[in-house]
Amino acid sequence: FTPIFSLFLLRLAGERLNQVSIVNITTVAIYLFSVLGTFVLFFQLNEYSYNIGVQDPSLVLVVLFYSAINIVFFLFGVIFLRKIVGFDVVPFRSYEIRSISWIQSKLLLLIFAFCIVVL
């Protein structure tokens, strides 16, 4: 039910499935991590989660329900902003990409190194 309804809401929001956009990537990420992730909990495929107490299938189904509601409300928000508020989609053009400067590349490398050190 959720994937078909999500595809319908994406189409209603003006999104095309063959086009990369923030809304498409966010919808797929929410679906993968929250909806498909609960099936691992429901069928108790994750031994760690089972051992720490995630053993009630009805609780996992409630989490699955709220995950589906999360996707629907996210897409309703996108539809509201685009249709009612009037936010238009800003198209991405590849000719607008420019190379980064030397300082920007060193700063990105420093941030990346910091993230690696923190991990």
C-alpha atoms as a PDB file:
ATOM      1  CA  PHE A   1       0.000   0.000   0.000  1.00  0.00           C
ATOM      2  CA  THR A   2       2.655   2.519   0.986  1.00  0.00           C
ATOM      3  CA  PRO A   3       4.853   2.288  -2.149  1.00  0.00           C
ATOM      4  CA  ILE A   4       1.914   2.684  -4.532  1.00  0.00           C
ATOM      5  CA  PHE A   5       0.438   5.567  -2.547  1.00  0.00           C
ATOM      6  CA  SER A   6       3.881   7.184  -2.288  1.00  0.00           C
ATOM      7  CA  LEU A   7       4.344   6.947  -6.048  1.00  0.00           C
ATOM      8  CA  PHE A   8       0.914   8.514  -6.524  1.00  0.00           C
ATOM      9  CA  LEU A   9       1.795  11.362  -4.138  1.00  0.00           C
ATOM     10  CA  LEU A  10       5.152  11.888  -5.848  1.00  0.00           C
ATOM     11  CA  ARG A  11       3.361  12.190  -9.179  1.00  0.00           C
ATOM     12  CA  LEU A  12       0.849  14.577  -7.621  1.00  0.00           C
ATOM     13  CA  ALA A  13       3.730  16.685  -6.281  1.00  0.00           C
ATOM     14  CA  GLY A  14       5.102  17.016  -9.805  1.00  0.00           C
ATOM     15  CA  GLU A  15       8.082  14.720  -9.335  1.00  0.00           C
ATOM     16  CA  ARG A  16       9.288  12.391 -12.041  1.00  0.00           C
ATOM     17  CA  LEU A  17      10.786   9.090 -11.004  1.00  0.00           C
ATOM     18  CA  ASN A  18      13.518   9.169 -13.621  1.00  0.00           C
ATOM     19  CA  GLN A  19      14.827  12.505 -12.348  1.00  0.00           C
ATOM     20  CA  VAL A  20      17.128  12.993  -9.378  1.00  0.00           C
ATOM     21  CA  SER A  21      15.751  15.473  -6.864  1.00  0.00           C
ATOM     22  CA  ILE A  22      15.869  16.111  -3.150  1.00  0.00           C
ATOM     23  CA  VAL A  23      12.274  14.965  -2.727  1.00  0.00           C
ATOM     24  CA  ASN A  24      12.859  11.678  -4.579  1.00  0.00           C
ATOM     25  CA  ILE A  25      16.056  10.876  -2.687  1.00  0.00           C
ATOM     26  CA  THR A  26      14.491  11.774   0.670  1.00  0.00           C
ATOM     27  CA  THR A  27      11.397   9.672  -0.032  1.00  0.00           C
ATOM     28  CA  VAL A  28      13.468   6.657  -1.034  1.00  0.00           C
ATOM     29  CA  ALA A  29      15.754   7.078   1.995  1.00  0.00           C
ATOM     30  CA  ILE A  30      12.829   7.333   4.411  1.00  0.00           C
ATOM     31  CA  TYR A  31      11.246   4.282   2.817  1.00  0.00           C
ATOM     32  CA  LEU A  32      14.427   2.210   2.889  1.00  0.00           C
ATOM     33  CA  PHE A  33      15.495   3.066   6.409  1.00  0.00           C
ATOM     34  CA  SER A  34      12.174   3.211   8.216  1.00  0.00           C
ATOM     35  CA  VAL A  35       9.774   0.917   6.374  1.00  0.00           C
ATOM     36  CA  LEU A  36      12.108  -1.799   5.118  1.00  0.00           C
ATOM     37  CA  GLY A  37      14.159  -1.621   8.297  1.00  0.00           C
ATOM     38  CA  THR A  38      11.171  -2.604  10.411  1.00  0.00           C
ATOM     39  CA  PHE A  39      10.795  -5.889   8.524  1.00  0.00           C
ATOM     40  CA  VAL A  40      14.180  -6.918   9.905  1.00  0.00           C
ATOM     41  CA  LEU A  41      12.809  -6.241  13.385  1.00  0.00           C
ATOM     42  CA  PHE A  42       9.467  -7.935  12.713  1.00  0.00           C
ATOM     43  CA  PHE A  43      11.003 -11.195  11.526  1.00  0.00           C
ATOM     44  CA  GLN A  44      13.681 -10.945  14.241  1.00  0.00           C
ATOM     45  CA  LEU A  45      16.564 -11.137  11.777  1.00  0.00           C
ATOM     46  CA  ASN A  46      18.701  -8.794  13.880  1.00  0.00           C
ATOM     47  CA  GLU A  47      19.971 -10.753  16.868  1.00  0.00           C
ATOM     48  CA  TYR A  48      21.177  -7.659  18.733  1.00  0.00           C
ATOM     49  CA  SER A  49      17.761  -5.972  18.636  1.00  0.00           C
ATOM     50  CA  TYR A  50      16.093  -9.180  19.749  1.00  0.00           C
ATOM     51  CA  ASN A  51      18.498  -9.550  22.669  1.00  0.00           C
ATOM     52  CA  ILE A  52      17.956  -5.998  23.936  1.00  0.00           C
ATOM     53  CA  GLY A  53      14.189  -6.466  24.023  1.00  0.00           C
ATOM     54  CA  VAL A  54      12.623  -5.738  20.630  1.00  0.00           C
ATOM     55  CA  GLN A  55      10.524  -8.912  20.685  1.00  0.00           C
ATOM     56  CA  ASP A  56       6.914  -7.755  20.435  1.00  0.00           C
ATOM     57  CA  PRO A  57       5.655  -7.998  16.813  1.00  0.00           C
ATOM     58  CA  SER A  58       2.659  -5.756  17.537  1.00  0.00           C
ATOM     59  CA  LEU A  59       4.988  -2.960  18.659  1.00  0.00           C
ATOM     60  CA  VAL A  60       7.009  -3.356  15.460  1.00  0.00           C
ATOM     61  CA  LEU A  61       3.782  -3.126  13.412  1.00  0.00           C
ATOM     62  CA  VAL A  62       2.917   0.124  15.204  1.00  0.00           C
ATOM     63  CA  VAL A  63       6.370   1.463  14.298  1.00  0.00           C
ATOM     64  CA  LEU A  64       5.777   0.351  10.693  1.00  0.00           C
ATOM     65  CA  PHE A  65       2.435   2.179  10.650  1.00  0.00           C
ATOM     66  CA  TYR A  66       3.997   5.408  11.902  1.00  0.00           C
ATOM     67  CA  SER A  67       6.837   5.058   9.400  1.00  0.00           C
ATOM     68  CA  ALA A  68       4.301   4.862   6.586  1.00  0.00           C
ATOM     69  CA  ILE A  69       2.478   7.884   8.002  1.00  0.00           C
ATOM     70  CA  ASN A  70       5.822   9.725   8.085  1.00  0.00           C
ATOM     71  CA  ILE A  71       6.285   9.230   4.335  1.00  0.00           C
ATOM     72  CA  VAL A  72       2.718  10.299   3.584  1.00  0.00           C
ATOM     73  CA  PHE A  73       2.977  13.469   5.705  1.00  0.00           C
ATOM     74  CA  PHE A  74       6.328  14.335   4.134  1.00  0.00           C
ATOM     75  CA  LEU A  75       4.822  14.089   0.656  1.00  0.00           C
ATOM     76  CA  PHE A  76       1.703  16.009   1.728  1.00  0.00           C
ATOM     77  CA  GLY A  77       4.051  18.766   2.920  1.00  0.00           C
ATOM     78  CA  VAL A  78       5.791  18.811  -0.456  1.00  0.00           C
ATOM     79  CA  ILE A  79       2.443  18.987  -2.251  1.00  0.00           C
ATOM     80  CA  PHE A  80       1.275  21.768   0.085  1.00  0.00           C
ATOM     81  CA  LEU A  81       4.420  23.837  -0.501  1.00  0.00           C
ATOM     82  CA  ARG A  82       4.322  23.417  -4.258  1.00  0.00           C
ATOM     83  CA  LYS A  83       0.604  23.682  -4.981  1.00  0.00           C
ATOM     84  CA  ILE A  84      -0.697  26.009  -2.278  1.00  0.00           C
ATOM     85  CA  VAL A  85       2.274  28.119  -1.167  1.00  0.00           C
ATOM     86  CA  GLY A  86       3.651  28.277  -4.692  1.00  0.00           C
ATOM     87  CA  PHE A  87       7.249  27.104  -4.322  1.00  0.00           C
ATOM     88  CA  ASP A  88       8.462  26.123  -7.744  1.00  0.00           C
ATOM     89  CA  VAL A  89      11.001  23.460  -8.537  1.00  0.00           C
ATOM     90  CA  VAL A  90      14.369  24.972  -9.391  1.00  0.00           C
ATOM     91  CA  PRO A  91      15.810  22.919 -12.248  1.00  0.00           C
ATOM     92  CA  PHE A  92      19.387  21.721 -11.995  1.00  0.00           C
ATOM     93  CA  ARG A  93      21.544  22.384 -15.026  1.00  0.00           C
ATOM     94  CA  SER A  94      24.887  20.689 -15.475  1.00  0.00           C
ATOM     95  CA  TYR A  95      26.472  23.712 -17.155  1.00  0.00           C
ATOM     96  CA  GLU A  96      26.091  25.654 -13.891  1.00  0.00           C
ATOM     97  CA  ILE A  97      28.637  23.401 -12.164  1.00  0.00           C
ATOM     98  CA  ARG A  98      31.957  25.096 -11.616  1.00  0.00           C
ATOM     99  CA  SER A  99      35.153  23.774 -10.121  1.00  0.00           C
ATOM    100  CA  ILE A 100      36.015  24.584  -6.534  1.00  0.00           C
ATOM    101  CA  SER A 101      38.954  26.729  -5.570  1.00  0.00           C
ATOM    102  CA  TRP A 102      42.159  25.514  -3.936  1.00  0.00           C
ATOM    103  CA  ILE A 103      41.073  26.807  -0.515  1.00  0.00           C
ATOM    104  CA  GLN A 104      37.671  25.130  -0.791  1.00  0.00           C
ATOM    105  CA  SER A 105      39.247  21.794  -1.694  1.00  0.00           C
ATOM    106  CA  LYS A 106      41.657  21.990   1.259  1.00  0.00           C
ATOM    107  CA  LEU A 107      38.803  22.948   3.580  1.00  0.00           C
ATOM    108  CA  LEU A 108      36.738  19.989   2.366  1.00  0.00           C
ATOM    109  CA  LEU A 109      39.714  17.712   2.891  1.00  0.00           C
ATOM    110  CA  LEU A 110      40.116  19.083   6.431  1.00  0.00           C
ATOM    111  CA  ILE A 111      36.424  18.511   7.206  1.00  0.00           C
ATOM    112  CA  PHE A 112      36.641  14.985   5.801  1.00  0.00           C
ATOM    113  CA  ALA A 113      39.726  14.251   7.907  1.00  0.00           C
ATOM    114  CA  PHE A 114      37.940  15.608  10.989  1.00  0.00           C
ATOM    115  CA  CYS A 115      34.977  13.303  10.325  1.00  0.00           C
ATOM    116  CA  ILE A 116      37.297  10.319   9.977  1.00  0.00           C
ATOM    117  CA  VAL A 117      39.077  11.205  13.240  1.00  0.00           C
ATOM    118  CA  VAL A 118      35.756  11.556  15.062  1.00  0.00           C
ATOM    119  CA  LEU A 119      34.639   8.139  13.882  1.00  0.00           C
END
